[in-house]
Amino acid sequence: MAYGFSGSINDFIALSKQGSIGHILSQNRQLSGGHPLSREVEAIWNDDALVLANFLLTIDIPQESTYFMLNEYDIPGHLGRCDVVMLGADAKATKHASVFELKRWLTFSARIFDHT
């Protein structure tokens, strides 16, 4: 399956600080057999990666744990992709999995419906 990033959470945090993570995710998706990201999505990742990295730092993942991330991962058997999949095990070998779907809409419109 295609992916934009595959590695440790610490590697993701370091990469997010480089400022061009969106382009890196896009290139890695192509190298792993997927479609590149649009320029708009690349730009969004450049900003949102820092927000995600700061969040990951605040949840205080224990150093004795092993966690792994996949970003912009193609969902098997599906035509979509997932923003973040995080897998790991804590110090007691309890396995954990988290899926993050980041939502920053490029455009939207509001409609008010009268329910009377």
PDB file of N, CA and C in Angstrom:
ATOM      1  N   MET A   1       0.828  -1.189   0.000  1.00  0.00           N
ATOM      2  CA  MET A   1       0.000   0.000   0.000  1.00  0.00           C
ATOM      3  C   MET A   1       0.867   1.246   0.000  1.00  0.00           C
ATOM      4  N   ALA A   2       0.394   2.245  -0.670  1.00  0.00           N
ATOM      5  CA  ALA A   2       1.132   3.506  -0.750  1.00  0.00           C
ATOM      6  C   ALA A   2       1.016   4.269   0.564  1.00  0.00           C
ATOM      7  N   TYR A   3       2.063   5.026   0.868  1.00  0.00           N
ATOM      8  CA  TYR A   3       2.086   5.828   2.087  1.00  0.00           C
ATOM      9  C   TYR A   3       3.020   7.023   1.861  1.00  0.00           C
ATOM     10  N   GLY A   4       2.800   8.058   2.661  1.00  0.00           N
ATOM     11  CA  GLY A   4       3.636   9.246   2.578  1.00  0.00           C
ATOM     12  C   GLY A   4       4.752   9.259   3.604  1.00  0.00           C
ATOM     13  N   PHE A   5       4.505   8.647   4.737  1.00  0.00           N
ATOM     14  CA  PHE A   5       5.519   8.555   5.784  1.00  0.00           C
ATOM     15  C   PHE A   5       5.351   7.231   6.487  1.00  0.00           C
ATOM     16  N   SER A   6       6.457   6.630   6.833  1.00  0.00           N
ATOM     17  CA  SER A   6       6.479   5.395   7.593  1.00  0.00           C
ATOM     18  C   SER A   6       7.688   5.468   8.512  1.00  0.00           C
ATOM     19  N   GLY A   7       7.452   5.505   9.819  1.00  0.00           N
ATOM     20  CA  GLY A   7       8.570   5.595  10.746  1.00  0.00           C
ATOM     21  C   GLY A   7       8.119   5.839  12.163  1.00  0.00           C
ATOM     22  N   SER A   8       9.072   6.199  12.990  1.00  0.00           N
ATOM     23  CA  SER A   8       8.774   6.431  14.403  1.00  0.00           C
ATOM     24  C   SER A   8       8.103   7.790  14.597  1.00  0.00           C
ATOM     25  N   ILE A   9       7.465   7.938  15.734  1.00  0.00           N
ATOM     26  CA  ILE A   9       6.847   9.223  16.068  1.00  0.00           C
ATOM     27  C   ILE A   9       7.920  10.294  16.199  1.00  0.00           C
ATOM     28  N   ASN A  10       9.049   9.944  16.793  1.00  0.00           N
ATOM     29  CA  ASN A  10      10.140  10.913  16.902  1.00  0.00           C
ATOM     30  C   ASN A  10      10.634  11.362  15.533  1.00  0.00           C
ATOM     31  N   ASP A  11      10.709  10.435  14.571  1.00  0.00           N
ATOM     32  CA  ASP A  11      11.111  10.800  13.210  1.00  0.00           C
ATOM     33  C   ASP A  11      10.096  11.752  12.583  1.00  0.00           C
ATOM     34  N   PHE A  12       8.793  11.482  12.818  1.00  0.00           N
ATOM     35  CA  PHE A  12       7.756  12.361  12.281  1.00  0.00           C
ATOM     36  C   PHE A  12       7.869  13.759  12.885  1.00  0.00           C
ATOM     37  N   ILE A  13       8.069  13.829  14.183  1.00  0.00           N
ATOM     38  CA  ILE A  13       8.179  15.134  14.852  1.00  0.00           C
ATOM     39  C   ILE A  13       9.354  15.915  14.273  1.00  0.00           C
ATOM     40  N   ALA A  14      10.494  15.263  14.086  1.00  0.00           N
ATOM     41  CA  ALA A  14      11.665  15.933  13.507  1.00  0.00           C
ATOM     42  C   ALA A  14      11.383  16.382  12.077  1.00  0.00           C
ATOM     43  N   LEU A  15      10.729  15.526  11.293  1.00  0.00           N
ATOM     44  CA  LEU A  15      10.420  15.862   9.903  1.00  0.00           C
ATOM     45  C   LEU A  15       9.445  17.023   9.815  1.00  0.00           C
ATOM     46  N   SER A  16       8.502  17.091  10.745  1.00  0.00           N
ATOM     47  CA  SER A  16       7.494  18.159  10.716  1.00  0.00           C
ATOM     48  C   SER A  16       8.115  19.541  10.874  1.00  0.00           C
ATOM     49  N   LYS A  17       9.262  19.605  11.520  1.00  0.00           N
ATOM     50  CA  LYS A  17       9.926  20.890  11.759  1.00  0.00           C
ATOM     51  C   LYS A  17      10.703  21.392  10.545  1.00  0.00           C
ATOM     52  N   GLN A  18      10.847  20.560   9.524  1.00  0.00           N
ATOM     53  CA  GLN A  18      11.596  20.960   8.331  1.00  0.00           C
ATOM     54  C   GLN A  18      10.820  21.899   7.416  1.00  0.00           C
ATOM     55  N   GLY A  19       9.489  21.912   7.546  1.00  0.00           N
ATOM     56  CA  GLY A  19       8.685  22.856   6.785  1.00  0.00           C
ATOM     57  C   GLY A  19       8.231  22.390   5.419  1.00  0.00           C
ATOM     58  N   SER A  20       8.759  21.307   4.898  1.00  0.00           N
ATOM     59  CA  SER A  20       8.356  20.834   3.570  1.00  0.00           C
ATOM     60  C   SER A  20       7.824  19.406   3.633  1.00  0.00           C
ATOM     61  N   ILE A  21       7.214  19.060   4.745  1.00  0.00           N
ATOM     62  CA  ILE A  21       6.742  17.685   4.923  1.00  0.00           C
ATOM     63  C   ILE A  21       5.679  17.312   3.892  1.00  0.00           C
ATOM     64  N   GLY A  22       4.860  18.258   3.482  1.00  0.00           N
ATOM     65  CA  GLY A  22       3.827  17.960   2.486  1.00  0.00           C
ATOM     66  C   GLY A  22       4.419  17.427   1.194  1.00  0.00           C
ATOM     67  N   HIS A  23       5.472  18.057   0.727  1.00  0.00           N
ATOM     68  CA  HIS A  23       6.133  17.612  -0.503  1.00  0.00           C
ATOM     69  C   HIS A  23       6.797  16.249  -0.297  1.00  0.00           C
ATOM     70  N   ILE A  24       7.374  16.041   0.863  1.00  0.00           N
ATOM     71  CA  ILE A  24       8.007  14.750   1.175  1.00  0.00           C
ATOM     72  C   ILE A  24       6.953  13.640   1.192  1.00  0.00           C
ATOM     73  N   LEU A  25       5.798  13.889   1.808  1.00  0.00           N
ATOM     74  CA  LEU A  25       4.720  12.908   1.824  1.00  0.00           C
ATOM     75  C   LEU A  25       4.280  12.570   0.402  1.00  0.00           C
ATOM     76  N   SER A  26       4.167  13.590  -0.422  1.00  0.00           N
ATOM     77  CA  SER A  26       3.751  13.403  -1.811  1.00  0.00           C
ATOM     78  C   SER A  26       4.759  12.553  -2.585  1.00  0.00           C
ATOM     79  N   GLN A  27       6.033  12.868  -2.443  1.00  0.00           N
ATOM     80  CA  GLN A  27       7.081  12.104  -3.126  1.00  0.00           C
ATOM     81  C   GLN A  27       7.100  10.651  -2.653  1.00  0.00           C
ATOM     82  N   ASN A  28       6.995  10.443  -1.340  1.00  0.00           N
ATOM     83  CA  ASN A  28       7.010   9.080  -0.805  1.00  0.00           C
ATOM     84  C   ASN A  28       5.805   8.272  -1.283  1.00  0.00           C
ATOM     85  N   ARG A  29       4.651   8.932  -1.433  1.00  0.00           N
ATOM     86  CA  ARG A  29       3.473   8.231  -1.947  1.00  0.00           C
ATOM     87  C   ARG A  29       3.741   7.738  -3.363  1.00  0.00           C
ATOM     88  N   GLN A  30       4.363   8.569  -4.172  1.00  0.00           N
ATOM     89  CA  GLN A  30       4.684   8.158  -5.540  1.00  0.00           C
ATOM     90  C   GLN A  30       5.687   7.005  -5.545  1.00  0.00           C
ATOM     91  N   LEU A  31       6.717   7.105  -4.704  1.00  0.00           N
ATOM     92  CA  LEU A  31       7.738   6.063  -4.644  1.00  0.00           C
ATOM     93  C   LEU A  31       7.176   4.727  -4.163  1.00  0.00           C
ATOM     94  N   SER A  32       6.105   4.761  -3.365  1.00  0.00           N
ATOM     95  CA  SER A  32       5.513   3.529  -2.843  1.00  0.00           C
ATOM     96  C   SER A  32       4.313   3.069  -3.685  1.00  0.00           C
ATOM     97  N   GLY A  33       4.157   3.645  -4.874  1.00  0.00           N
ATOM     98  CA  GLY A  33       3.138   3.180  -5.808  1.00  0.00           C
ATOM     99  C   GLY A  33       1.813   3.905  -5.778  1.00  0.00           C
ATOM    100  N   GLY A  34       1.736   5.027  -5.094  1.00  0.00           N
ATOM    101  CA  GLY A  34       0.482   5.769  -5.004  1.00  0.00           C
ATOM    102  C   GLY A  34       0.497   7.053  -5.804  1.00  0.00           C
ATOM    103  N   HIS A  35      -0.599   7.765  -5.709  1.00  0.00           N
ATOM    104  CA  HIS A  35      -0.724   9.058  -6.368  1.00  0.00           C
ATOM    105  C   HIS A  35      -0.152  10.145  -5.470  1.00  0.00           C
ATOM    106  N   PRO A  36       0.451  11.172  -6.068  1.00  0.00           N
ATOM    107  CA  PRO A  36       0.967  12.271  -5.247  1.00  0.00           C
ATOM    108  C   PRO A  36      -0.182  13.074  -4.638  1.00  0.00           C
ATOM    109  N   LEU A  37       0.144  13.862  -3.645  1.00  0.00           N
ATOM    110  CA  LEU A  37      -0.825  14.763  -3.031  1.00  0.00           C
ATOM    111  C   LEU A  37      -0.954  16.010  -3.898  1.00  0.00           C
ATOM    112  N   SER A  38      -2.098  16.667  -3.812  1.00  0.00           N
ATOM    113  CA  SER A  38      -2.258  17.940  -4.514  1.00  0.00           C
ATOM    114  C   SER A  38      -1.402  19.003  -3.816  1.00  0.00           C
ATOM    115  N   ARG A  39      -1.128  20.077  -4.498  1.00  0.00           N
ATOM    116  CA  ARG A  39      -0.352  21.175  -3.892  1.00  0.00           C
ATOM    117  C   ARG A  39      -1.068  21.739  -2.671  1.00  0.00           C
ATOM    118  N   GLU A  40      -2.406  21.782  -2.736  1.00  0.00           N
ATOM    119  CA  GLU A  40      -3.180  22.286  -1.596  1.00  0.00           C
ATOM    120  C   GLU A  40      -3.006  21.382  -0.374  1.00  0.00           C
ATOM    121  N   VAL A  41      -3.066  20.076  -0.589  1.00  0.00           N
ATOM    122  CA  VAL A  41      -2.911  19.139   0.522  1.00  0.00           C
ATOM    123  C   VAL A  41      -1.483  19.178   1.049  1.00  0.00           C
ATOM    124  N   GLU A  42      -0.509  19.320   0.172  1.00  0.00           N
ATOM    125  CA  GLU A  42       0.883  19.476   0.616  1.00  0.00           C
ATOM    126  C   GLU A  42       1.019  20.680   1.535  1.00  0.00           C
ATOM    127  N   ALA A  43       0.425  21.807   1.143  1.00  0.00           N
ATOM    128  CA  ALA A  43       0.508  23.035   1.943  1.00  0.00           C
ATOM    129  C   ALA A  43      -0.180  22.856   3.293  1.00  0.00           C
ATOM    130  N   ILE A  44      -1.299  22.163   3.297  1.00  0.00           N
ATOM    131  CA  ILE A  44      -2.009  21.908   4.553  1.00  0.00           C
ATOM    132  C   ILE A  44      -1.149  21.068   5.481  1.00  0.00           C
ATOM    133  N   TRP A  45      -0.498  20.028   4.941  1.00  0.00           N
ATOM    134  CA  TRP A  45       0.372  19.194   5.766  1.00  0.00           C
ATOM    135  C   TRP A  45       1.531  19.989   6.347  1.00  0.00           C
ATOM    136  N   ASN A  46       2.068  20.936   5.598  1.00  0.00           N
ATOM    137  CA  ASN A  46       3.179  21.747   6.113  1.00  0.00           C
ATOM    138  C   ASN A  46       2.788  22.453   7.399  1.00  0.00           C
ATOM    139  N   ASP A  47       1.540  22.904   7.478  1.00  0.00           N
ATOM    140  CA  ASP A  47       1.053  23.570   8.693  1.00  0.00           C
ATOM    141  C   ASP A  47       0.572  22.573   9.745  1.00  0.00           C
ATOM    142  N   ASP A  48      -0.237  21.610   9.305  1.00  0.00           N
ATOM    143  CA  ASP A  48      -0.869  20.692  10.256  1.00  0.00           C
ATOM    144  C   ASP A  48       0.104  19.707  10.874  1.00  0.00           C
ATOM    145  N   ALA A  49       1.216  19.410  10.210  1.00  0.00           N
ATOM    146  CA  ALA A  49       2.206  18.487  10.780  1.00  0.00           C
ATOM    147  C   ALA A  49       2.767  19.048  12.078  1.00  0.00           C
ATOM    148  N   LEU A  50       2.960  20.356  12.128  1.00  0.00           N
ATOM    149  CA  LEU A  50       3.454  20.984  13.360  1.00  0.00           C
ATOM    150  C   LEU A  50       2.428  20.873  14.483  1.00  0.00           C
ATOM    151  N   VAL A  51       1.165  21.057  14.138  1.00  0.00           N
ATOM    152  CA  VAL A  51       0.085  20.928  15.136  1.00  0.00           C
ATOM    153  C   VAL A  51       0.033  19.485  15.637  1.00  0.00           C
ATOM    154  N   LEU A  52       0.109  18.522  14.721  1.00  0.00           N
ATOM    155  CA  LEU A  52       0.094  17.114  15.112  1.00  0.00           C
ATOM    156  C   LEU A  52       1.323  16.768  15.951  1.00  0.00           C
ATOM    157  N   ALA A  53       2.481  17.269  15.558  1.00  0.00           N
ATOM    158  CA  ALA A  53       3.713  17.006  16.322  1.00  0.00           C
ATOM    159  C   ALA A  53       3.595  17.547  17.743  1.00  0.00           C
ATOM    160  N   ASN A  54       3.073  18.758  17.886  1.00  0.00           N
ATOM    161  CA  ASN A  54       2.893  19.333  19.225  1.00  0.00           C
ATOM    162  C   ASN A  54       1.903  18.519  20.049  1.00  0.00           C
ATOM    163  N   PHE A  55       0.850  18.038  19.403  1.00  0.00           N
ATOM    164  CA  PHE A  55      -0.109  17.182  20.106  1.00  0.00           C
ATOM    165  C   PHE A  55       0.571  15.901  20.588  1.00  0.00           C
ATOM    166  N   LEU A  56       1.359  15.282  19.723  1.00  0.00           N
ATOM    167  CA  LEU A  56       2.040  14.042  20.085  1.00  0.00           C
ATOM    168  C   LEU A  56       2.995  14.254  21.259  1.00  0.00           C
ATOM    169  N   LEU A  57       3.594  15.424  21.316  1.00  0.00           N
ATOM    170  CA  LEU A  57       4.472  15.734  22.445  1.00  0.00           C
ATOM    171  C   LEU A  57       3.689  15.917  23.737  1.00  0.00           C
ATOM    172  N   THR A  58       2.462  16.431  23.649  1.00  0.00           N
ATOM    173  CA  THR A  58       1.669  16.678  24.856  1.00  0.00           C
ATOM    174  C   THR A  58       1.050  15.415  25.421  1.00  0.00           C
ATOM    175  N   ILE A  59       0.870  14.370  24.613  1.00  0.00           N
ATOM    176  CA  ILE A  59       0.261  13.149  25.154  1.00  0.00           C
ATOM    177  C   ILE A  59       1.289  12.286  25.861  1.00  0.00           C
ATOM    178  N   ASP A  60       2.536  12.716  25.812  1.00  0.00           N
ATOM    179  CA  ASP A  60       3.592  12.113  26.628  1.00  0.00           C
ATOM    180  C   ASP A  60       3.675  10.599  26.444  1.00  0.00           C
ATOM    181  N   ILE A  61       3.990  10.195  25.230  1.00  0.00           N
ATOM    182  CA  ILE A  61       4.165   8.774  24.939  1.00  0.00           C
ATOM    183  C   ILE A  61       5.389   8.287  25.694  1.00  0.00           C
ATOM    184  N   PRO A  62       5.243   7.245  26.506  1.00  0.00           N
ATOM    185  CA  PRO A  62       6.376   6.780  27.315  1.00  0.00           C
ATOM    186  C   PRO A  62       7.568   6.370  26.462  1.00  0.00           C
ATOM    187  N   GLN A  63       8.759   6.732  26.898  1.00  0.00           N
ATOM    188  CA  GLN A  63       9.975   6.417  26.155  1.00  0.00           C
ATOM    189  C   GLN A  63      10.219   4.915  26.062  1.00  0.00           C
ATOM    190  N   GLU A  64       9.727   4.154  27.032  1.00  0.00           N
ATOM    191  CA  GLU A  64       9.960   2.713  26.998  1.00  0.00           C
ATOM    192  C   GLU A  64       9.001   1.986  26.053  1.00  0.00           C
ATOM    193  N   SER A  65       8.120   2.736  25.405  1.00  0.00           N
ATOM    194  CA  SER A  65       7.172   2.155  24.458  1.00  0.00           C
ATOM    195  C   SER A  65       7.700   2.252  23.042  1.00  0.00           C
ATOM    196  N   THR A  66       7.182   1.419  22.194  1.00  0.00           N
ATOM    197  CA  THR A  66       7.547   1.447  20.788  1.00  0.00           C
ATOM    198  C   THR A  66       6.299   1.794  19.981  1.00  0.00           C
ATOM    199  N   TYR A  67       6.346   2.890  19.251  1.00  0.00           N
ATOM    200  CA  TYR A  67       5.229   3.323  18.429  1.00  0.00           C
ATOM    201  C   TYR A  67       5.712   3.590  17.012  1.00  0.00           C
ATOM    202  N   PHE A  68       4.826   3.371  16.060  1.00  0.00           N
ATOM    203  CA  PHE A  68       5.129   3.468  14.646  1.00  0.00           C
ATOM    204  C   PHE A  68       4.009   4.251  13.981  1.00  0.00           C
ATOM    205  N   MET A  69       4.334   5.100  13.011  1.00  0.00           N
ATOM    206  CA  MET A  69       3.336   5.903  12.315  1.00  0.00           C
ATOM    207  C   MET A  69       3.347   5.649  10.822  1.00  0.00           C
ATOM    208  N   LEU A  70       2.165   5.722  10.235  1.00  0.00           N
ATOM    209  CA  LEU A  70       1.986   5.768   8.787  1.00  0.00           C
ATOM    210  C   LEU A  70       1.153   7.011   8.508  1.00  0.00           C
ATOM    211  N   ASN A  71       1.578   7.833   7.570  1.00  0.00           N
ATOM    212  CA  ASN A  71       0.821   9.031   7.204  1.00  0.00           C
ATOM    213  C   ASN A  71       0.467   8.975   5.723  1.00  0.00           C
ATOM    214  N   GLU A  72      -0.727   9.468   5.412  1.00  0.00           N
ATOM    215  CA  GLU A  72      -1.248   9.434   4.043  1.00  0.00           C
ATOM    216  C   GLU A  72      -1.160   8.014   3.489  1.00  0.00           C
ATOM    217  N   TYR A  73      -1.732   7.098   4.266  1.00  0.00           N
ATOM    218  CA  TYR A  73      -1.698   5.663   3.979  1.00  0.00           C
ATOM    219  C   TYR A  73      -2.936   5.257   3.185  1.00  0.00           C
ATOM    220  N   ASP A  74      -2.728   4.581   2.050  1.00  0.00           N
ATOM    221  CA  ASP A  74      -3.855   4.077   1.271  1.00  0.00           C
ATOM    222  C   ASP A  74      -4.560   2.967   2.040  1.00  0.00           C
ATOM    223  N   ILE A  75      -5.864   3.089   2.181  1.00  0.00           N
ATOM    224  CA  ILE A  75      -6.655   2.103   2.895  1.00  0.00           C
ATOM    225  C   ILE A  75      -6.827   0.880   1.990  1.00  0.00           C
ATOM    226  N   PRO A  76      -6.390  -0.294   2.446  1.00  0.00           N
ATOM    227  CA  PRO A  76      -6.510  -1.491   1.602  1.00  0.00           C
ATOM    228  C   PRO A  76      -7.961  -1.768   1.195  1.00  0.00           C
ATOM    229  N   GLY A  77      -8.155  -2.069  -0.072  1.00  0.00           N
ATOM    230  CA  GLY A  77      -9.484  -2.386  -0.572  1.00  0.00           C
ATOM    231  C   GLY A  77     -10.417  -1.201  -0.685  1.00  0.00           C
ATOM    232  N   HIS A  78      -9.874  -0.020  -0.597  1.00  0.00           N
ATOM    233  CA  HIS A  78     -10.671   1.206  -0.589  1.00  0.00           C
ATOM    234  C   HIS A  78      -9.996   2.222  -1.500  1.00  0.00           C
ATOM    235  N   LEU A  79     -10.719   3.166  -1.992  1.00  0.00           N
ATOM    236  CA  LEU A  79     -10.126   4.161  -2.878  1.00  0.00           C
ATOM    237  C   LEU A  79      -9.633   5.397  -2.143  1.00  0.00           C
ATOM    238  N   GLY A  80      -9.699   5.389  -0.837  1.00  0.00           N
ATOM    239  CA  GLY A  80      -9.286   6.553  -0.056  1.00  0.00           C
ATOM    240  C   GLY A  80      -7.976   6.312   0.667  1.00  0.00           C
ATOM    241  N   ARG A  81      -7.620   7.296   1.456  1.00  0.00           N
ATOM    242  CA  ARG A  81      -6.416   7.167   2.275  1.00  0.00           C
ATOM    243  C   ARG A  81      -6.695   7.739   3.655  1.00  0.00           C
ATOM    244  N   CYS A  82      -5.894   7.316   4.590  1.00  0.00           N
ATOM    245  CA  CYS A  82      -6.034   7.736   5.979  1.00  0.00           C
ATOM    246  C   CYS A  82      -4.893   8.687   6.305  1.00  0.00           C
ATOM    247  N   ASP A  83      -5.178   9.754   7.030  1.00  0.00           N
ATOM    248  CA  ASP A  83      -4.142  10.733   7.359  1.00  0.00           C
ATOM    249  C   ASP A  83      -3.058  10.137   8.245  1.00  0.00           C
ATOM    250  N   VAL A  84      -3.444   9.506   9.354  1.00  0.00           N
ATOM    251  CA  VAL A  84      -2.454   8.988  10.302  1.00  0.00           C
ATOM    252  C   VAL A  84      -2.935   7.664  10.896  1.00  0.00           C
ATOM    253  N   VAL A  85      -2.056   6.678  10.871  1.00  0.00           N
ATOM    254  CA  VAL A  85      -2.273   5.422  11.585  1.00  0.00           C
ATOM    255  C   VAL A  85      -1.098   5.293  12.537  1.00  0.00           C
ATOM    256  N   MET A  86      -1.385   5.073  13.808  1.00  0.00           N
ATOM    257  CA  MET A  86      -0.332   4.942  14.811  1.00  0.00           C
ATOM    258  C   MET A  86      -0.492   3.579  15.485  1.00  0.00           C
ATOM    259  N   LEU A  87       0.584   2.808  15.481  1.00  0.00           N
ATOM    260  CA  LEU A  87       0.590   1.466  16.049  1.00  0.00           C
ATOM    261  C   LEU A  87       1.700   1.359  17.074  1.00  0.00           C
ATOM    262  N   GLY A  88       1.466   0.575  18.108  1.00  0.00           N
ATOM    263  CA  GLY A  88       2.544   0.405  19.074  1.00  0.00           C
ATOM    264  C   GLY A  88       2.170  -0.492  20.228  1.00  0.00           C
ATOM    265  N   ALA A  89       3.122  -0.640  21.115  1.00  0.00           N
ATOM    266  CA  ALA A  89       2.925  -1.423  22.327  1.00  0.00           C
ATOM    267  C   ALA A  89       3.578  -0.684  23.479  1.00  0.00           C
ATOM    268  N   ASP A  90       2.933  -0.734  24.631  1.00  0.00           N
ATOM    269  CA  ASP A  90       3.499  -0.054  25.793  1.00  0.00           C
ATOM    270  C   ASP A  90       4.512  -0.947  26.502  1.00  0.00           C
ATOM    271  N   ALA A  91       4.990  -0.489  27.625  1.00  0.00           N
ATOM    272  CA  ALA A  91       6.035  -1.211  28.361  1.00  0.00           C
ATOM    273  C   ALA A  91       5.566  -2.588  28.822  1.00  0.00           C
ATOM    274  N   LYS A  92       4.263  -2.780  28.947  1.00  0.00           N
ATOM    275  CA  LYS A  92       3.715  -4.075  29.359  1.00  0.00           C
ATOM    276  C   LYS A  92       3.342  -4.950  28.159  1.00  0.00           C
ATOM    277  N   ALA A  93       3.750  -4.514  26.954  1.00  0.00           N
ATOM    278  CA  ALA A  93       3.487  -5.228  25.694  1.00  0.00           C
ATOM    279  C   ALA A  93       2.014  -5.218  25.296  1.00  0.00           C
ATOM    280  N   THR A  94       1.236  -4.289  25.864  1.00  0.00           N
ATOM    281  CA  THR A  94      -0.149  -4.123  25.449  1.00  0.00           C
ATOM    282  C   THR A  94      -0.153  -3.377  24.126  1.00  0.00           C
ATOM    283  N   LYS A  95      -0.788  -3.974  23.117  1.00  0.00           N
ATOM    284  CA  LYS A  95      -0.801  -3.365  21.786  1.00  0.00           C
ATOM    285  C   LYS A  95      -1.849  -2.263  21.717  1.00  0.00           C
ATOM    286  N   HIS A  96      -1.506  -1.194  20.995  1.00  0.00           N
ATOM    287  CA  HIS A  96      -2.395  -0.051  20.814  1.00  0.00           C
ATOM    288  C   HIS A  96      -2.429   0.327  19.343  1.00  0.00           C
ATOM    289  N   ALA A  97      -3.558   0.857  18.896  1.00  0.00           N
ATOM    290  CA  ALA A  97      -3.691   1.387  17.542  1.00  0.00           C
ATOM    291  C   ALA A  97      -4.572   2.622  17.604  1.00  0.00           C
ATOM    292  N   SER A  98      -4.194   3.633  16.855  1.00  0.00           N
ATOM    293  CA  SER A  98      -4.987   4.858  16.758  1.00  0.00           C
ATOM    294  C   SER A  98      -5.037   5.275  15.300  1.00  0.00           C
ATOM    295  N   VAL A  99      -6.178   5.805  14.913  1.00  0.00           N
ATOM    296  CA  VAL A  99      -6.350   6.330  13.560  1.00  0.00           C
ATOM    297  C   VAL A  99      -6.796   7.775  13.703  1.00  0.00           C
ATOM    298  N   PHE A 100      -6.085   8.677  13.032  1.00  0.00           N
ATOM    299  CA  PHE A 100      -6.419  10.097  13.042  1.00  0.00           C
ATOM    300  C   PHE A 100      -6.822  10.501  11.635  1.00  0.00           C
ATOM    301  N   GLU A 101      -7.952  11.124  11.526  1.00  0.00           N
ATOM    302  CA  GLU A 101      -8.362  11.693  10.253  1.00  0.00           C
ATOM    303  C   GLU A 101      -8.437  13.200  10.468  1.00  0.00           C
ATOM    304  N   LEU A 102      -7.473  13.909   9.919  1.00  0.00           N
ATOM    305  CA  LEU A 102      -7.402  15.360  10.082  1.00  0.00           C
ATOM    306  C   LEU A 102      -8.387  16.000   9.116  1.00  0.00           C
ATOM    307  N   LYS A 103      -9.130  16.967   9.581  1.00  0.00           N
ATOM    308  CA  LYS A 103     -10.142  17.593   8.733  1.00  0.00           C
ATOM    309  C   LYS A 103      -9.912  19.098   8.635  1.00  0.00           C
ATOM    310  N   ARG A 104      -9.321  19.485   7.555  1.00  0.00           N
ATOM    311  CA  ARG A 104      -9.246  20.908   7.251  1.00  0.00           C
ATOM    312  C   ARG A 104      -9.814  21.070   5.846  1.00  0.00           C
ATOM    313  N   TRP A 105     -11.038  21.555   5.793  1.00  0.00           N
ATOM    314  CA  TRP A 105     -11.709  21.691   4.517  1.00  0.00           C
ATOM    315  C   TRP A 105     -11.148  22.880   3.761  1.00  0.00           C
ATOM    316  N   LEU A 106     -10.931  22.710   2.469  1.00  0.00           N
ATOM    317  CA  LEU A 106     -10.446  23.807   1.644  1.00  0.00           C
ATOM    318  C   LEU A 106     -11.540  24.855   1.446  1.00  0.00           C
ATOM    319  N   THR A 107     -12.778  24.395   1.266  1.00  0.00           N
ATOM    320  CA  THR A 107     -13.922  25.308   1.138  1.00  0.00           C
ATOM    321  C   THR A 107     -15.137  24.611   1.750  1.00  0.00           C
ATOM    322  N   PHE A 108     -16.097  25.389   2.137  1.00  0.00           N
ATOM    323  CA  PHE A 108     -17.359  24.829   2.596  1.00  0.00           C
ATOM    324  C   PHE A 108     -18.429  25.887   2.467  1.00  0.00           C
ATOM    325  N   SER A 109     -19.660  25.460   2.491  1.00  0.00           N
ATOM    326  CA  SER A 109     -20.776  26.404   2.473  1.00  0.00           C
ATOM    327  C   SER A 109     -21.751  25.979   3.553  1.00  0.00           C
ATOM    328  N   ALA A 110     -22.351  26.951   4.188  1.00  0.00           N
ATOM    329  CA  ALA A 110     -23.318  26.673   5.253  1.00  0.00           C
ATOM    330  C   ALA A 110     -24.719  26.851   4.710  1.00  0.00           C
ATOM    331  N   ARG A 111     -25.604  25.997   5.148  1.00  0.00           N
ATOM    332  CA  ARG A 111     -27.014  26.113   4.762  1.00  0.00           C
ATOM    333  C   ARG A 111     -27.832  26.053   6.026  1.00  0.00           C
ATOM    334  N   ILE A 112     -28.805  26.905   6.102  1.00  0.00           N
ATOM    335  CA  ILE A 112     -29.704  26.920   7.258  1.00  0.00           C
ATOM    336  C   ILE A 112     -31.026  26.334   6.809  1.00  0.00           C
ATOM    337  N   PHE A 113     -31.471  25.306   7.541  1.00  0.00           N
ATOM    338  CA  PHE A 113     -32.730  24.654   7.215  1.00  0.00           C
ATOM    339  C   PHE A 113     -33.764  25.022   8.250  1.00  0.00           C
ATOM    340  N   ASP A 114     -34.938  25.370   7.806  1.00  0.00           N
ATOM    341  CA  ASP A 114     -36.036  25.695   8.702  1.00  0.00           C
ATOM    342  C   ASP A 114     -36.740  24.404   9.090  1.00  0.00           C
ATOM    343  N   HIS A 115     -36.726  24.076  10.372  1.00  0.00           N
ATOM    344  CA  HIS A 115     -37.313  22.828  10.844  1.00  0.00           C
ATOM    345  C   HIS A 115     -38.741  23.014  11.350  1.00  0.00           C
ATOM    346  N   THR A 116     -39.394  24.123  11.043  1.00  0.00           N
ATOM    347  CA  THR A 116     -40.766  24.334  11.540  1.00  0.00           C
ATOM    348  C   THR A 116     -41.791  23.826  10.573  1.00  0.00           C
TER     349      THR A 116
END
